[in-house]
Amino acid sequence: MKKIWDRLGIVFSSACVLHCILVAFMPVVFPAISAYTHATWIHIVVAVVILLTSPLAFIPGYKKHGLSWIIISAMGGLGLIFLGVLMEGFVSDQISHGISILGSLLLVFSHAKNLQHSHRHKHQCC
């Protein structure tokens, strides 16, 4: 059951990447849709869901494999996602969403490594 949180984390973070790309860059290509693609509340909700679900994956993973660099990279990813959300309205959408995209990619990487090392550890010790 614990691995489901890493898999959901990868899905949530990947959805965040896709959403940020569409919101930040589609209006550049198709200016007519810019009025319909941006809602700050969506970014806040997605960021909060990611923040609330990430510990459910990383804390048990850390207890299993003990690799602090995975926790640190996950925290960096979460920090970048929230920095991107906080910068909305102060910088261009391309910059704020670009920062969130980097954070989401780092979080996807962290979830993947957490899954990989948790799986390895299970087979090494048992």
C-alpha atoms as a PDB file:
ATOM      1  CA  MET A   1       0.000   0.000   0.000  1.00  0.00           C
ATOM      2  CA  LYS A   2       2.878   2.397   0.741  1.00  0.00           C
ATOM      3  CA  LYS A   3       4.118   2.252  -2.850  1.00  0.00           C
ATOM      4  CA  ILE A   4       0.789   3.620  -4.067  1.00  0.00           C
ATOM      5  CA  TRP A   5       1.731   7.039  -2.655  1.00  0.00           C
ATOM      6  CA  ASP A   6       4.877   7.182  -4.775  1.00  0.00           C
ATOM      7  CA  ARG A   7       2.875   6.182  -7.835  1.00  0.00           C
ATOM      8  CA  LEU A   8       0.180   8.764  -7.072  1.00  0.00           C
ATOM      9  CA  GLY A   9       2.921  11.324  -6.412  1.00  0.00           C
ATOM     10  CA  ILE A  10       4.346  10.651  -9.866  1.00  0.00           C
ATOM     11  CA  VAL A  11       0.859  11.040 -11.381  1.00  0.00           C
ATOM     12  CA  PHE A  12       0.154  14.286  -9.466  1.00  0.00           C
ATOM     13  CA  SER A  13       3.545  15.780 -10.259  1.00  0.00           C
ATOM     14  CA  SER A  14       3.303  14.775 -13.927  1.00  0.00           C
ATOM     15  CA  ALA A  15      -0.162  16.336 -14.113  1.00  0.00           C
ATOM     16  CA  CYS A  16       1.330  19.482 -12.609  1.00  0.00           C
ATOM     17  CA  VAL A  17       4.026  19.541 -15.309  1.00  0.00           C
ATOM     18  CA  LEU A  18       1.458  19.097 -18.066  1.00  0.00           C
ATOM     19  CA  HIS A  19      -0.844  21.739 -16.611  1.00  0.00           C
ATOM     20  CA  CYS A  20       1.972  24.252 -16.158  1.00  0.00           C
ATOM     21  CA  ILE A  21       3.197  23.736 -19.707  1.00  0.00           C
ATOM     22  CA  LEU A  22      -0.285  24.224 -21.108  1.00  0.00           C
ATOM     23  CA  VAL A  23      -1.057  27.271 -18.964  1.00  0.00           C
ATOM     24  CA  ALA A  24       2.300  28.973 -19.480  1.00  0.00           C
ATOM     25  CA  PHE A  25       3.024  28.253 -23.099  1.00  0.00           C
ATOM     26  CA  MET A  26      -0.223  27.548 -24.948  1.00  0.00           C
ATOM     27  CA  PRO A  27      -1.397  31.195 -24.703  1.00  0.00           C
ATOM     28  CA  VAL A  28       1.847  32.218 -26.417  1.00  0.00           C
ATOM     29  CA  VAL A  29       0.956  29.970 -29.337  1.00  0.00           C
ATOM     30  CA  PHE A  30      -2.819  30.508 -29.139  1.00  0.00           C
ATOM     31  CA  PRO A  31      -3.439  33.949 -27.551  1.00  0.00           C
ATOM     32  CA  ALA A  32      -7.221  33.597 -27.788  1.00  0.00           C
ATOM     33  CA  ILE A  33      -7.274  30.889 -25.109  1.00  0.00           C
ATOM     34  CA  SER A  34      -5.270  32.826 -22.512  1.00  0.00           C
ATOM     35  CA  ALA A  35      -8.437  34.040 -20.766  1.00  0.00           C
ATOM     36  CA  TYR A  36      -9.546  30.449 -20.187  1.00  0.00           C
ATOM     37  CA  THR A  37      -6.322  28.756 -19.124  1.00  0.00           C
ATOM     38  CA  HIS A  38      -5.244  30.513 -15.953  1.00  0.00           C
ATOM     39  CA  ALA A  39      -6.814  30.043 -12.526  1.00  0.00           C
ATOM     40  CA  THR A  40      -4.573  30.615  -9.505  1.00  0.00           C
ATOM     41  CA  TRP A  41      -6.776  28.516  -7.218  1.00  0.00           C
ATOM     42  CA  ILE A  42      -6.028  25.423  -9.328  1.00  0.00           C
ATOM     43  CA  HIS A  43      -2.294  25.882  -8.758  1.00  0.00           C
ATOM     44  CA  ILE A  44      -2.798  26.303  -5.036  1.00  0.00           C
ATOM     45  CA  VAL A  45      -5.010  23.206  -4.763  1.00  0.00           C
ATOM     46  CA  VAL A  46      -2.597  21.047  -6.783  1.00  0.00           C
ATOM     47  CA  ALA A  47       0.373  22.270  -4.726  1.00  0.00           C
ATOM     48  CA  VAL A  48      -1.438  21.531  -1.447  1.00  0.00           C
ATOM     49  CA  VAL A  49      -2.455  18.032  -2.640  1.00  0.00           C
ATOM     50  CA  ILE A  50       1.158  17.339  -3.608  1.00  0.00           C
ATOM     51  CA  LEU A  51       2.385  18.686  -0.267  1.00  0.00           C
ATOM     52  CA  LEU A  52      -0.072  16.545   1.708  1.00  0.00           C
ATOM     53  CA  THR A  53       0.515  13.307  -0.206  1.00  0.00           C
ATOM     54  CA  SER A  54       4.304  13.466  -0.550  1.00  0.00           C
ATOM     55  CA  PRO A  55       5.107  12.666   3.099  1.00  0.00           C
ATOM     56  CA  LEU A  56       2.938   9.548   2.808  1.00  0.00           C
ATOM     57  CA  ALA A  57       5.473   8.239   0.294  1.00  0.00           C
ATOM     58  CA  PHE A  58       8.762   9.684   1.464  1.00  0.00           C
ATOM     59  CA  ILE A  59       8.611   9.073   5.217  1.00  0.00           C
ATOM     60  CA  PRO A  60       7.989   5.301   4.929  1.00  0.00           C
ATOM     61  CA  GLY A  61      10.492   5.140   2.065  1.00  0.00           C
ATOM     62  CA  TYR A  62      13.150   6.840   4.166  1.00  0.00           C
ATOM     63  CA  LYS A  63      12.442   4.504   7.084  1.00  0.00           C
ATOM     64  CA  LYS A  64      12.962   1.591   4.719  1.00  0.00           C
ATOM     65  CA  HIS A  65      16.081   2.675   2.796  1.00  0.00           C
ATOM     66  CA  GLY A  66      17.507   5.510   4.918  1.00  0.00           C
ATOM     67  CA  LEU A  67      18.649   7.620   1.945  1.00  0.00           C
ATOM     68  CA  SER A  68      18.427  11.253   3.014  1.00  0.00           C
ATOM     69  CA  TRP A  69      19.293  12.585  -0.465  1.00  0.00           C
ATOM     70  CA  ILE A  70      15.893  11.378  -1.685  1.00  0.00           C
ATOM     71  CA  ILE A  71      14.141  13.360   1.049  1.00  0.00           C
ATOM     72  CA  ILE A  72      16.292  16.406   0.269  1.00  0.00           C
ATOM     73  CA  SER A  73      15.535  16.239  -3.462  1.00  0.00           C
ATOM     74  CA  ALA A  74      11.819  15.817  -2.708  1.00  0.00           C
ATOM     75  CA  MET A  75      11.888  18.842  -0.407  1.00  0.00           C
ATOM     76  CA  GLY A  76      13.667  20.798  -3.133  1.00  0.00           C
ATOM     77  CA  GLY A  77      10.971  19.801  -5.613  1.00  0.00           C
ATOM     78  CA  LEU A  78       8.206  20.786  -3.200  1.00  0.00           C
ATOM     79  CA  GLY A  79       9.961  24.072  -2.497  1.00  0.00           C
ATOM     80  CA  LEU A  80      10.221  24.907  -6.183  1.00  0.00           C
ATOM     81  CA  ILE A  81       6.551  24.069  -6.753  1.00  0.00           C
ATOM     82  CA  PHE A  82       5.501  26.390  -3.948  1.00  0.00           C
ATOM     83  CA  LEU A  83       7.955  29.081  -5.050  1.00  0.00           C
ATOM     84  CA  GLY A  84       6.373  28.981  -8.506  1.00  0.00           C
ATOM     85  CA  VAL A  85       2.899  29.333  -6.993  1.00  0.00           C
ATOM     86  CA  LEU A  86       4.005  32.189  -4.717  1.00  0.00           C
ATOM     87  CA  MET A  87       5.626  34.044  -7.631  1.00  0.00           C
ATOM     88  CA  GLU A  88       2.398  34.100  -9.640  1.00  0.00           C
ATOM     89  CA  GLY A  89       1.364  37.647 -10.352  1.00  0.00           C
ATOM     90  CA  PHE A  90       4.852  38.984  -9.627  1.00  0.00           C
ATOM     91  CA  VAL A  91       6.652  37.503 -12.625  1.00  0.00           C
ATOM     92  CA  SER A  92       5.520  36.207 -16.010  1.00  0.00           C
ATOM     93  CA  ASP A  93       3.572  32.971 -16.218  1.00  0.00           C
ATOM     94  CA  GLN A  94       6.463  31.412 -18.112  1.00  0.00           C
ATOM     95  CA  ILE A  95       8.825  32.055 -15.206  1.00  0.00           C
ATOM     96  CA  SER A  96       6.473  31.049 -12.359  1.00  0.00           C
ATOM     97  CA  HIS A  97       5.258  27.973 -14.189  1.00  0.00           C
ATOM     98  CA  GLY A  98       8.778  27.118 -15.331  1.00  0.00           C
ATOM     99  CA  ILE A  99       9.886  27.047 -11.692  1.00  0.00           C
ATOM    100  CA  SER A 100       6.924  24.819 -10.792  1.00  0.00           C
ATOM    101  CA  ILE A 101       7.747  22.543 -13.738  1.00  0.00           C
ATOM    102  CA  LEU A 102      11.319  22.125 -12.478  1.00  0.00           C
ATOM    103  CA  GLY A 103       9.996  21.349  -9.015  1.00  0.00           C
ATOM    104  CA  SER A 104       7.530  18.804 -10.360  1.00  0.00           C
ATOM    105  CA  LEU A 105      10.210  17.092 -12.426  1.00  0.00           C
ATOM    106  CA  LEU A 106      12.467  16.920  -9.372  1.00  0.00           C
ATOM    107  CA  LEU A 107       9.586  15.472  -7.376  1.00  0.00           C
ATOM    108  CA  VAL A 108       8.854  12.853 -10.067  1.00  0.00           C
ATOM    109  CA  PHE A 109      12.552  11.893  -9.966  1.00  0.00           C
ATOM    110  CA  SER A 110      12.437  11.682  -6.161  1.00  0.00           C
ATOM    111  CA  HIS A 111       9.333   9.492  -6.170  1.00  0.00           C
ATOM    112  CA  ALA A 112      10.873   7.202  -8.796  1.00  0.00           C
ATOM    113  CA  LYS A 113      14.086   6.840  -6.771  1.00  0.00           C
ATOM    114  CA  ASN A 114      12.095   6.297  -3.585  1.00  0.00           C
ATOM    115  CA  LEU A 115      10.206   3.462  -5.278  1.00  0.00           C
ATOM    116  CA  GLN A 116      13.389   2.007  -6.754  1.00  0.00           C
ATOM    117  CA  HIS A 117      15.355   2.026  -3.503  1.00  0.00           C
ATOM    118  CA  SER A 118      12.443   0.799  -1.422  1.00  0.00           C
ATOM    119  CA  HIS A 119      12.054  -2.109  -3.810  1.00  0.00           C
ATOM    120  CA  ARG A 120      15.802  -2.860  -3.773  1.00  0.00           C
ATOM    121  CA  HIS A 121      15.950  -2.697   0.010  1.00  0.00           C
ATOM    122  CA  LYS A 122      13.040  -5.125   0.339  1.00  0.00           C
ATOM    123  CA  HIS A 123      14.784  -7.713  -1.788  1.00  0.00           C
ATOM    124  CA  GLN A 124      18.201  -7.229  -0.182  1.00  0.00           C
ATOM    125  CA  CYS A 125      17.069  -7.737   3.382  1.00  0.00           C
ATOM    126  CA  CYS A 126      14.402 -10.411   2.950  1.00  0.00           C
END
